[in-house]
């Protein structure tokens, strides 16, 4: 599961405020910060049946990797089950009851890596729930923590991806135990706020400010020299072999975040951070 460098963790502070509602309503959200709903398609199934769910061929996080001297996991060939990755989404929150996009932004901080030493205050973070399409072709409800002034842009960008049915495997908050967990190299969680430094450095990452989002990291790996993160995603370094969930130059994900003024790490020379979108440029 863990493919990020460990950061110093502290006491987790949970904020359980009244606005912590999940996105389950079929109607568009009433929040003024929420994006407008995309029209529902009558041809898209909105109920789950055993006959349409793909077979689970890989258990994410079950295979810790041997460590390299730099603390990351060994870079190994991608397992055959993950070369064309299409795993079903595990619902953390109740899924939407219709195919219309829904999103909510609330003053909530919970189950996250936030601590007093983080470079952003708890009051400046916002908990966002929003709809996304899984690789299983069903709508799901995801959750992100982002800085409050970045929340509207994030909601709008993901509303565009939802309208285009761009597949996302998982979207949940990163928990404190994940920072120190042994690397398994197979994670694919789309996430935003994580209180950690830049990989291999001591300065804070843009994620620690709530100003970055990683989209389908396994399908869009980080590379620098011989390092590939997640470590088992070597098959996805080949960008000529286009598969679902990949972020490509000129594609819908890059366009959606570019409209919000966010930069794409996939356009960088070194490292090449294909999963990474940032409001701060870092």
C-alpha atoms as a PDB file:
ATOM      1  CA  UNK A   1       0.000   0.000   0.000  1.00  0.00           C
ATOM      2  CA  UNK A   2       2.621   2.580   1.040  1.00  0.00           C
ATOM      3  CA  UNK A   3       4.814   3.925  -1.740  1.00  0.00           C
ATOM      4  CA  UNK A   4       5.521   7.345  -0.187  1.00  0.00           C
ATOM      5  CA  UNK A   5       8.430   8.256   2.066  1.00  0.00           C
ATOM      6  CA  UNK A   6       7.558   8.046   5.768  1.00  0.00           C
ATOM      7  CA  UNK A   7       7.019  11.331   7.606  1.00  0.00           C
ATOM      8  CA  UNK A   8       7.082  11.982  11.319  1.00  0.00           C
ATOM      9  CA  UNK A   9       3.635  11.332  12.732  1.00  0.00           C
ATOM     10  CA  UNK A  10       2.026  12.697  15.884  1.00  0.00           C
ATOM     11  CA  UNK A  11      -1.296  12.640  17.649  1.00  0.00           C
ATOM     12  CA  UNK A  12      -4.223  12.432  15.243  1.00  0.00           C
ATOM     13  CA  UNK A  13      -6.851  15.090  15.910  1.00  0.00           C
ATOM     14  CA  UNK A  14     -10.365  14.180  14.789  1.00  0.00           C
ATOM     15  CA  UNK A  15     -12.964  16.838  14.111  1.00  0.00           C
ATOM     16  CA  UNK A  16     -16.512  15.517  14.011  1.00  0.00           C
ATOM     17  CA  UNK A  17     -18.603  18.508  13.005  1.00  0.00           C
ATOM     18  CA  UNK A  18     -22.201  18.614  11.914  1.00  0.00           C
ATOM     19  CA  UNK A  19     -21.351  19.113   8.241  1.00  0.00           C
ATOM     20  CA  UNK A  20     -19.887  15.605   7.813  1.00  0.00           C
ATOM     21  CA  UNK A  21     -22.457  14.266   5.361  1.00  0.00           C
ATOM     22  CA  UNK A  22     -21.780  11.719   2.662  1.00  0.00           C
ATOM     23  CA  UNK A  23     -22.743  12.323  -0.925  1.00  0.00           C
ATOM     24  CA  UNK A  24     -25.694  10.018  -1.335  1.00  0.00           C
ATOM     25  CA  UNK A  25     -28.427  12.297  -2.608  1.00  0.00           C
ATOM     26  CA  UNK A  26     -29.450  11.932  -6.246  1.00  0.00           C
ATOM     27  CA  UNK A  27     -29.996  15.673  -6.476  1.00  0.00           C
ATOM     28  CA  UNK A  28     -27.155  18.140  -7.143  1.00  0.00           C
ATOM     29  CA  UNK A  29     -25.472  19.432  -3.969  1.00  0.00           C
ATOM     30  CA  UNK A  30     -26.748  22.676  -2.523  1.00  0.00           C
ATOM     31  CA  UNK A  31     -23.326  23.928  -1.451  1.00  0.00           C
ATOM     32  CA  UNK A  32     -22.271  27.040  -3.385  1.00  0.00           C
ATOM     33  CA  UNK A  33     -18.790  25.529  -3.682  1.00  0.00           C
ATOM     34  CA  UNK A  34     -20.011  22.346  -5.328  1.00  0.00           C
ATOM     35  CA  UNK A  35     -19.795  21.790  -9.049  1.00  0.00           C
ATOM     36  CA  UNK A  36     -22.967  21.546 -11.148  1.00  0.00           C
ATOM     37  CA  UNK A  37     -24.376  18.099 -11.698  1.00  0.00           C
ATOM     38  CA  UNK A  38     -23.704  16.260 -14.934  1.00  0.00           C
ATOM     39  CA  UNK A  39     -26.821  14.839 -16.622  1.00  0.00           C
ATOM     40  CA  UNK A  40     -27.554  11.218 -15.887  1.00  0.00           C
ATOM     41  CA  UNK A  41     -27.261   8.705 -18.702  1.00  0.00           C
ATOM     42  CA  UNK A  42     -30.069   6.151 -18.957  1.00  0.00           C
ATOM     43  CA  UNK A  43     -27.697   3.658 -20.544  1.00  0.00           C
ATOM     44  CA  UNK A  44     -25.340   3.484 -17.575  1.00  0.00           C
ATOM     45  CA  UNK A  45     -26.203   0.954 -14.843  1.00  0.00           C
ATOM     46  CA  UNK A  46     -26.569   2.451 -11.384  1.00  0.00           C
ATOM     47  CA  UNK A  47     -27.140  -0.779  -9.443  1.00  0.00           C
ATOM     48  CA  UNK A  48     -24.621  -3.433  -8.580  1.00  0.00           C
ATOM     49  CA  UNK A  49     -25.077  -7.015  -9.670  1.00  0.00           C
ATOM     50  CA  UNK A  50     -22.871 -10.034  -9.195  1.00  0.00           C
ATOM     51  CA  UNK A  51     -22.837 -10.656 -12.936  1.00  0.00           C
ATOM     52  CA  UNK A  52     -21.223  -7.310 -13.813  1.00  0.00           C
ATOM     53  CA  UNK A  53     -18.605  -7.086 -11.049  1.00  0.00           C
ATOM     54  CA  UNK A  54     -15.090  -8.029 -12.270  1.00  0.00           C
ATOM     55  CA  UNK A  55     -13.310 -10.895 -10.571  1.00  0.00           C
ATOM     56  CA  UNK A  56     -10.906  -9.840  -7.826  1.00  0.00           C
ATOM     57  CA  UNK A  57      -7.548 -11.195  -8.950  1.00  0.00           C
ATOM     58  CA  UNK A  58      -5.231  -9.195  -6.694  1.00  0.00           C
ATOM     59  CA  UNK A  59      -5.375  -8.229  -3.008  1.00  0.00           C
ATOM     60  CA  UNK A  60      -3.936  -4.728  -2.690  1.00  0.00           C
ATOM     61  CA  UNK A  61      -1.481  -4.282   0.180  1.00  0.00           C
ATOM     62  CA  UNK A  62      -1.016  -7.982   0.893  1.00  0.00           C
ATOM     63  CA  UNK A  63       2.512  -8.376  -0.483  1.00  0.00           C
ATOM     64  CA  UNK A  64       5.201  -6.243   1.283  1.00  0.00           C
ATOM     65  CA  UNK A  65       8.274  -5.622  -0.850  1.00  0.00           C
ATOM     66  CA  UNK A  66      11.936  -6.031   0.122  1.00  0.00           C
ATOM     67  CA  UNK A  67      13.456  -2.614   0.793  1.00  0.00           C
ATOM     68  CA  UNK A  68      16.102  -0.769  -1.210  1.00  0.00           C
ATOM     69  CA  UNK A  69      18.900   1.124   0.565  1.00  0.00           C
ATOM     70  CA  UNK A  70      16.967   4.380   0.000  1.00  0.00           C
ATOM     71  CA  UNK A  71      13.980   3.034   1.956  1.00  0.00           C
ATOM     72  CA  UNK A  72      11.670   2.480  -1.004  1.00  0.00           C
ATOM     73  CA  UNK A  73      10.580  -0.981  -2.093  1.00  0.00           C
ATOM     74  CA  UNK A  74      12.433  -2.986  -4.720  1.00  0.00           C
ATOM     75  CA  UNK A  75      11.346  -2.052  -8.257  1.00  0.00           C
ATOM     76  CA  UNK A  76       9.910  -5.281  -9.622  1.00  0.00           C
ATOM     77  CA  UNK A  77       8.087  -6.280 -12.817  1.00  0.00           C
ATOM     78  CA  UNK A  78       4.379  -5.580 -12.739  1.00  0.00           C
ATOM     79  CA  UNK A  79       2.392  -8.703 -11.812  1.00  0.00           C
ATOM     80  CA  UNK A  80       0.322 -10.018 -14.765  1.00  0.00           C
ATOM     81  CA  UNK A  81      -2.892  -9.256 -12.847  1.00  0.00           C
ATOM     82  CA  UNK A  82      -1.993  -5.539 -12.766  1.00  0.00           C
ATOM     83  CA  UNK A  83      -0.572  -4.964 -16.256  1.00  0.00           C
ATOM     84  CA  UNK A  84      -4.033  -3.956 -17.454  1.00  0.00           C
ATOM     85  CA  UNK A  85      -5.334  -2.907 -14.062  1.00  0.00           C
ATOM     86  CA  UNK A  86      -9.099  -3.021 -13.610  1.00  0.00           C
ATOM     87  CA  UNK A  87      -9.814  -3.795  -9.965  1.00  0.00           C
ATOM     88  CA  UNK A  88     -13.228  -3.123  -8.422  1.00  0.00           C
ATOM     89  CA  UNK A  89     -13.621  -0.172  -6.071  1.00  0.00           C
ATOM     90  CA  UNK A  90     -14.037  -0.844  -2.351  1.00  0.00           C
ATOM     91  CA  UNK A  91     -16.670   1.577  -1.099  1.00  0.00           C
ATOM     92  CA  UNK A  92     -15.524   3.603   1.935  1.00  0.00           C
ATOM     93  CA  UNK A  93     -18.631   5.801   1.792  1.00  0.00           C
ATOM     94  CA  UNK A  94     -22.129   4.928   0.540  1.00  0.00           C
ATOM     95  CA  UNK A  95     -22.194   5.082  -3.268  1.00  0.00           C
ATOM     96  CA  UNK A  96     -24.408   7.588  -5.092  1.00  0.00           C
ATOM     97  CA  UNK A  97     -27.999   6.559  -5.631  1.00  0.00           C
ATOM     98  CA  UNK A  98     -28.003   7.876  -9.195  1.00  0.00           C
ATOM     99  CA  UNK A  99     -25.532   8.553 -11.981  1.00  0.00           C
ATOM    100  CA  UNK A 100     -25.685  12.347 -11.437  1.00  0.00           C
ATOM    101  CA  UNK A 101     -22.465  13.913 -10.132  1.00  0.00           C
ATOM    102  CA  UNK A 102     -22.657  14.930  -6.482  1.00  0.00           C
ATOM    103  CA  UNK A 103     -20.130  16.667  -4.240  1.00  0.00           C
ATOM    104  CA  UNK A 104     -20.107  18.239  -0.786  1.00  0.00           C
ATOM    105  CA  UNK A 105     -17.537  20.345   1.027  1.00  0.00           C
ATOM    106  CA  UNK A 106     -17.625  20.406   4.825  1.00  0.00           C
ATOM    107  CA  UNK A 107     -15.561  21.705   7.743  1.00  0.00           C
ATOM    108  CA  UNK A 108     -14.343  18.268   8.786  1.00  0.00           C
ATOM    109  CA  UNK A 109     -10.932  16.731   9.494  1.00  0.00           C
ATOM    110  CA  UNK A 110     -11.003  13.054  10.351  1.00  0.00           C
ATOM    111  CA  UNK A 111      -8.970   9.864   9.935  1.00  0.00           C
ATOM    112  CA  UNK A 112      -6.139  11.815   8.335  1.00  0.00           C
ATOM    113  CA  UNK A 113      -2.408  12.390   8.768  1.00  0.00           C
ATOM    114  CA  UNK A 114      -2.926  15.918  10.096  1.00  0.00           C
ATOM    115  CA  UNK A 115      -1.050  16.904  13.244  1.00  0.00           C
ATOM    116  CA  UNK A 116      -0.020  20.183  14.835  1.00  0.00           C
ATOM    117  CA  UNK A 117       3.388  20.104  13.127  1.00  0.00           C
ATOM    118  CA  UNK A 118       1.845  20.108   9.628  1.00  0.00           C
ATOM    119  CA  UNK A 119       2.356  23.291   7.576  1.00  0.00           C
ATOM    120  CA  UNK A 120      -1.407  23.891   7.205  1.00  0.00           C
ATOM    121  CA  UNK A 121      -3.827  24.547  10.041  1.00  0.00           C
ATOM    122  CA  UNK A 122      -6.831  22.305  10.550  1.00  0.00           C
ATOM    123  CA  UNK A 123      -9.091  25.333  10.014  1.00  0.00           C
ATOM    124  CA  UNK A 124      -7.673  25.745   6.508  1.00  0.00           C
ATOM    125  CA  UNK A 125      -8.507  22.197   5.380  1.00  0.00           C
ATOM    126  CA  UNK A 126     -11.793  21.071   3.901  1.00  0.00           C
ATOM    127  CA  UNK A 127     -13.263  17.584   3.703  1.00  0.00           C
ATOM    128  CA  UNK A 128     -14.788  16.950   0.277  1.00  0.00           C
ATOM    129  CA  UNK A 129     -17.012  14.077  -0.828  1.00  0.00           C
ATOM    130  CA  UNK A 130     -17.608  13.656  -4.537  1.00  0.00           C
ATOM    131  CA  UNK A 131     -18.793  11.160  -7.109  1.00  0.00           C
ATOM    132  CA  UNK A 132     -16.461   9.179  -9.354  1.00  0.00           C
ATOM    133  CA  UNK A 133     -16.743   6.286 -11.793  1.00  0.00           C
ATOM    134  CA  UNK A 134     -14.862   3.101 -10.894  1.00  0.00           C
ATOM    135  CA  UNK A 135     -13.145   0.677 -13.216  1.00  0.00           C
ATOM    136  CA  UNK A 136     -16.175  -1.506 -12.460  1.00  0.00           C
ATOM    137  CA  UNK A 137     -18.310   1.039 -14.394  1.00  0.00           C
ATOM    138  CA  UNK A 138     -20.338   1.934 -11.312  1.00  0.00           C
ATOM    139  CA  UNK A 139     -20.564   5.332  -9.564  1.00  0.00           C
ATOM    140  CA  UNK A 140     -18.890   5.592  -6.166  1.00  0.00           C
ATOM    141  CA  UNK A 141     -18.443   8.282  -3.513  1.00  0.00           C
ATOM    142  CA  UNK A 142     -14.888   9.393  -2.829  1.00  0.00           C
ATOM    143  CA  UNK A 143     -13.387  11.600  -0.131  1.00  0.00           C
ATOM    144  CA  UNK A 144     -10.506  14.068  -0.183  1.00  0.00           C
ATOM    145  CA  UNK A 145      -8.925  16.598   2.167  1.00  0.00           C
ATOM    146  CA  UNK A 146      -7.817  19.792   0.432  1.00  0.00           C
ATOM    147  CA  UNK A 147      -7.029  23.351   1.433  1.00  0.00           C
ATOM    148  CA  UNK A 148     -10.200  25.377   1.633  1.00  0.00           C
ATOM    149  CA  UNK A 149      -9.306  27.805  -1.159  1.00  0.00           C
ATOM    150  CA  UNK A 150      -8.498  24.866  -3.479  1.00  0.00           C
ATOM    151  CA  UNK A 151     -11.712  22.943  -2.793  1.00  0.00           C
ATOM    152  CA  UNK A 152     -13.903  24.566  -5.474  1.00  0.00           C
ATOM    153  CA  UNK A 153     -11.297  23.912  -8.187  1.00  0.00           C
ATOM    154  CA  UNK A 154     -10.912  20.282  -7.139  1.00  0.00           C
ATOM    155  CA  UNK A 155     -14.673  19.711  -7.133  1.00  0.00           C
ATOM    156  CA  UNK A 156     -15.013  21.282 -10.574  1.00  0.00           C
ATOM    157  CA  UNK A 157     -12.126  19.266 -12.051  1.00  0.00           C
ATOM    158  CA  UNK A 158     -13.537  15.966 -10.816  1.00  0.00           C
ATOM    159  CA  UNK A 159     -17.013  16.906 -12.035  1.00  0.00           C
ATOM    160  CA  UNK A 160     -15.561  17.092 -15.540  1.00  0.00           C
ATOM    161  CA  UNK A 161     -13.898  13.702 -15.137  1.00  0.00           C
ATOM    162  CA  UNK A 162     -17.179  12.270 -13.857  1.00  0.00           C
ATOM    163  CA  UNK A 163     -19.056  13.629 -16.863  1.00  0.00           C
ATOM    164  CA  UNK A 164     -16.539  11.881 -19.136  1.00  0.00           C
ATOM    165  CA  UNK A 165     -16.656   8.684 -17.021  1.00  0.00           C
ATOM    166  CA  UNK A 166     -12.900   8.707 -16.497  1.00  0.00           C
ATOM    167  CA  UNK A 167     -12.228   5.609 -14.323  1.00  0.00           C
ATOM    168  CA  UNK A 168     -10.771   5.971 -10.833  1.00  0.00           C
ATOM    169  CA  UNK A 169     -10.116   2.903  -8.700  1.00  0.00           C
ATOM    170  CA  UNK A 170     -10.155   4.397  -5.213  1.00  0.00           C
ATOM    171  CA  UNK A 171     -10.504   7.818  -3.590  1.00  0.00           C
ATOM    172  CA  UNK A 172     -10.087   8.023   0.170  1.00  0.00           C
ATOM    173  CA  UNK A 173      -8.200   9.881   2.879  1.00  0.00           C
ATOM    174  CA  UNK A 174      -4.705   8.638   3.689  1.00  0.00           C
ATOM    175  CA  UNK A 175      -4.501   7.425   7.295  1.00  0.00           C
ATOM    176  CA  UNK A 176      -1.543   7.905   9.653  1.00  0.00           C
ATOM    177  CA  UNK A 177      -0.673   4.194   9.728  1.00  0.00           C
ATOM    178  CA  UNK A 178      -0.009   4.260   5.986  1.00  0.00           C
ATOM    179  CA  UNK A 179       2.958   6.604   6.372  1.00  0.00           C
ATOM    180  CA  UNK A 180       4.983   3.969   8.207  1.00  0.00           C
ATOM    181  CA  UNK A 181       3.542   0.823   6.616  1.00  0.00           C
ATOM    182  CA  UNK A 182       5.954  -1.403   4.636  1.00  0.00           C
ATOM    183  CA  UNK A 183       5.789  -0.718   0.889  1.00  0.00           C
ATOM    184  CA  UNK A 184       3.763  -3.122  -1.225  1.00  0.00           C
ATOM    185  CA  UNK A 185       4.060  -1.177  -4.487  1.00  0.00           C
ATOM    186  CA  UNK A 186       0.484  -1.820  -5.592  1.00  0.00           C
ATOM    187  CA  UNK A 187      -1.524   1.133  -4.249  1.00  0.00           C
ATOM    188  CA  UNK A 188      -3.847   3.070  -6.538  1.00  0.00           C
ATOM    189  CA  UNK A 189      -5.586   5.524  -4.201  1.00  0.00           C
ATOM    190  CA  UNK A 190      -6.438   8.947  -5.606  1.00  0.00           C
ATOM    191  CA  UNK A 191      -5.669  11.301  -2.715  1.00  0.00           C
ATOM    192  CA  UNK A 192      -4.906  14.912  -1.846  1.00  0.00           C
ATOM    193  CA  UNK A 193      -3.744  16.009   1.635  1.00  0.00           C
ATOM    194  CA  UNK A 194      -0.971  13.885   3.155  1.00  0.00           C
ATOM    195  CA  UNK A 195       1.284  15.438   5.800  1.00  0.00           C
ATOM    196  CA  UNK A 196       4.636  14.273   4.449  1.00  0.00           C
ATOM    197  CA  UNK A 197       7.828  15.725   2.956  1.00  0.00           C
ATOM    198  CA  UNK A 198       8.809  15.642  -0.706  1.00  0.00           C
ATOM    199  CA  UNK A 199      10.079  12.196  -1.642  1.00  0.00           C
ATOM    200  CA  UNK A 200      13.704  11.882  -0.580  1.00  0.00           C
ATOM    201  CA  UNK A 201      13.791  15.397   0.930  1.00  0.00           C
ATOM    202  CA  UNK A 202      13.038  17.146   4.208  1.00  0.00           C
ATOM    203  CA  UNK A 203      10.917  20.045   2.964  1.00  0.00           C
ATOM    204  CA  UNK A 204       7.148  19.698   2.938  1.00  0.00           C
ATOM    205  CA  UNK A 205       5.348  18.331  -0.109  1.00  0.00           C
ATOM    206  CA  UNK A 206       2.509  20.285  -1.732  1.00  0.00           C
ATOM    207  CA  UNK A 207       0.300  17.484  -0.409  1.00  0.00           C
ATOM    208  CA  UNK A 208       1.126  18.602   3.145  1.00  0.00           C
ATOM    209  CA  UNK A 209      -0.471  21.974   2.342  1.00  0.00           C
ATOM    210  CA  UNK A 210      -3.574  20.393   0.768  1.00  0.00           C
ATOM    211  CA  UNK A 211      -2.576  21.827  -2.614  1.00  0.00           C
ATOM    212  CA  UNK A 212      -1.919  18.655  -4.627  1.00  0.00           C
ATOM    213  CA  UNK A 213      -3.869  15.666  -5.905  1.00  0.00           C
ATOM    214  CA  UNK A 214      -2.507  12.311  -7.098  1.00  0.00           C
ATOM    215  CA  UNK A 215      -4.765  10.557  -9.625  1.00  0.00           C
ATOM    216  CA  UNK A 216      -4.601   6.760 -10.047  1.00  0.00           C
ATOM    217  CA  UNK A 217      -0.928   6.556  -8.971  1.00  0.00           C
ATOM    218  CA  UNK A 218      -0.426   2.963 -10.145  1.00  0.00           C
ATOM    219  CA  UNK A 219      -1.628   3.831 -13.636  1.00  0.00           C
ATOM    220  CA  UNK A 220       0.443   7.047 -13.593  1.00  0.00           C
ATOM    221  CA  UNK A 221       3.718   6.281 -11.796  1.00  0.00           C
ATOM    222  CA  UNK A 222       6.394   8.640 -10.520  1.00  0.00           C
ATOM    223  CA  UNK A 223       9.826   8.006 -12.062  1.00  0.00           C
ATOM    224  CA  UNK A 224      13.267   9.394 -11.268  1.00  0.00           C
ATOM    225  CA  UNK A 225      16.331   7.507 -12.456  1.00  0.00           C
ATOM    226  CA  UNK A 226      15.742   3.845 -11.657  1.00  0.00           C
ATOM    227  CA  UNK A 227      13.045   4.631  -9.100  1.00  0.00           C
ATOM    228  CA  UNK A 228       9.428   3.831  -9.978  1.00  0.00           C
ATOM    229  CA  UNK A 229       6.593   4.585  -7.533  1.00  0.00           C
ATOM    230  CA  UNK A 230       4.482   2.600  -6.895  1.00  0.00           C
ATOM    231  CA  UNK A 231       7.208   0.020  -7.187  1.00  0.00           C
ATOM    232  CA  UNK A 232       5.169  -2.591  -9.081  1.00  0.00           C
ATOM    233  CA  UNK A 233       3.863  -0.109 -11.667  1.00  0.00           C
ATOM    234  CA  UNK A 234       6.747  -0.598 -14.119  1.00  0.00           C
ATOM    235  CA  UNK A 235       4.327  -1.776 -16.826  1.00  0.00           C
ATOM    236  CA  UNK A 236       2.699   1.664 -16.764  1.00  0.00           C
ATOM    237  CA  UNK A 237       5.944   3.513 -17.466  1.00  0.00           C
ATOM    238  CA  UNK A 238       5.272   2.646 -21.119  1.00  0.00           C
ATOM    239  CA  UNK A 239       2.868   5.446 -22.016  1.00  0.00           C
ATOM    240  CA  UNK A 240       2.458   4.267 -25.601  1.00  0.00           C
ATOM    241  CA  UNK A 241       0.392   1.350 -24.309  1.00  0.00           C
ATOM    242  CA  UNK A 242      -2.702   3.374 -23.430  1.00  0.00           C
ATOM    243  CA  UNK A 243      -4.975   1.780 -20.837  1.00  0.00           C
ATOM    244  CA  UNK A 244      -7.956   3.018 -18.798  1.00  0.00           C
ATOM    245  CA  UNK A 245      -7.111   5.333 -15.905  1.00  0.00           C
ATOM    246  CA  UNK A 246      -3.952   6.740 -17.468  1.00  0.00           C
ATOM    247  CA  UNK A 247      -3.270  10.483 -17.389  1.00  0.00           C
ATOM    248  CA  UNK A 248      -1.965  11.612 -20.771  1.00  0.00           C
ATOM    249  CA  UNK A 249      -0.801  14.939 -22.177  1.00  0.00           C
ATOM    250  CA  UNK A 250      -3.801  16.728 -23.653  1.00  0.00           C
ATOM    251  CA  UNK A 251      -6.166  14.225 -22.061  1.00  0.00           C
ATOM    252  CA  UNK A 252      -9.243  14.954 -19.926  1.00  0.00           C
ATOM    253  CA  UNK A 253      -7.468  14.937 -16.548  1.00  0.00           C
ATOM    254  CA  UNK A 254      -4.726  17.340 -17.641  1.00  0.00           C
ATOM    255  CA  UNK A 255      -7.293  19.605 -19.275  1.00  0.00           C
ATOM    256  CA  UNK A 256      -9.599  19.613 -16.245  1.00  0.00           C
ATOM    257  CA  UNK A 257      -6.860  20.650 -13.826  1.00  0.00           C
ATOM    258  CA  UNK A 258      -5.271  23.072 -16.313  1.00  0.00           C
ATOM    259  CA  UNK A 259      -8.557  24.970 -16.430  1.00  0.00           C
ATOM    260  CA  UNK A 260      -8.201  25.405 -12.669  1.00  0.00           C
ATOM    261  CA  UNK A 261      -4.644  26.717 -13.117  1.00  0.00           C
ATOM    262  CA  UNK A 262      -3.013  23.585 -11.676  1.00  0.00           C
ATOM    263  CA  UNK A 263       0.238  22.147 -13.045  1.00  0.00           C
ATOM    264  CA  UNK A 264       0.817  18.532 -14.068  1.00  0.00           C
ATOM    265  CA  UNK A 265       3.893  16.697 -12.813  1.00  0.00           C
ATOM    266  CA  UNK A 266       3.868  14.495 -15.914  1.00  0.00           C
ATOM    267  CA  UNK A 267       5.266  17.445 -17.891  1.00  0.00           C
ATOM    268  CA  UNK A 268       8.323  17.707 -15.633  1.00  0.00           C
ATOM    269  CA  UNK A 269      11.727  16.444 -16.792  1.00  0.00           C
ATOM    270  CA  UNK A 270      12.995  14.971 -13.529  1.00  0.00           C
ATOM    271  CA  UNK A 271      11.212  13.616 -11.671  1.00  0.00           C
ATOM    272  CA  UNK A 272       8.329  12.752 -13.981  1.00  0.00           C
ATOM    273  CA  UNK A 273       5.324  12.657 -11.653  1.00  0.00           C
ATOM    274  CA  UNK A 274       2.500  11.470 -13.900  1.00  0.00           C
ATOM    275  CA  UNK A 275      -0.084  11.122 -11.118  1.00  0.00           C
ATOM    276  CA  UNK A 276       0.551  14.569  -9.614  1.00  0.00           C
ATOM    277  CA  UNK A 277      -1.427  17.807  -9.996  1.00  0.00           C
ATOM    278  CA  UNK A 278      -0.465  20.842  -7.957  1.00  0.00           C
ATOM    279  CA  UNK A 279      -1.771  24.336  -7.318  1.00  0.00           C
ATOM    280  CA  UNK A 280       1.613  25.462  -5.942  1.00  0.00           C
ATOM    281  CA  UNK A 281       3.831  24.162  -8.753  1.00  0.00           C
ATOM    282  CA  UNK A 282       5.579  21.693  -6.456  1.00  0.00           C
END
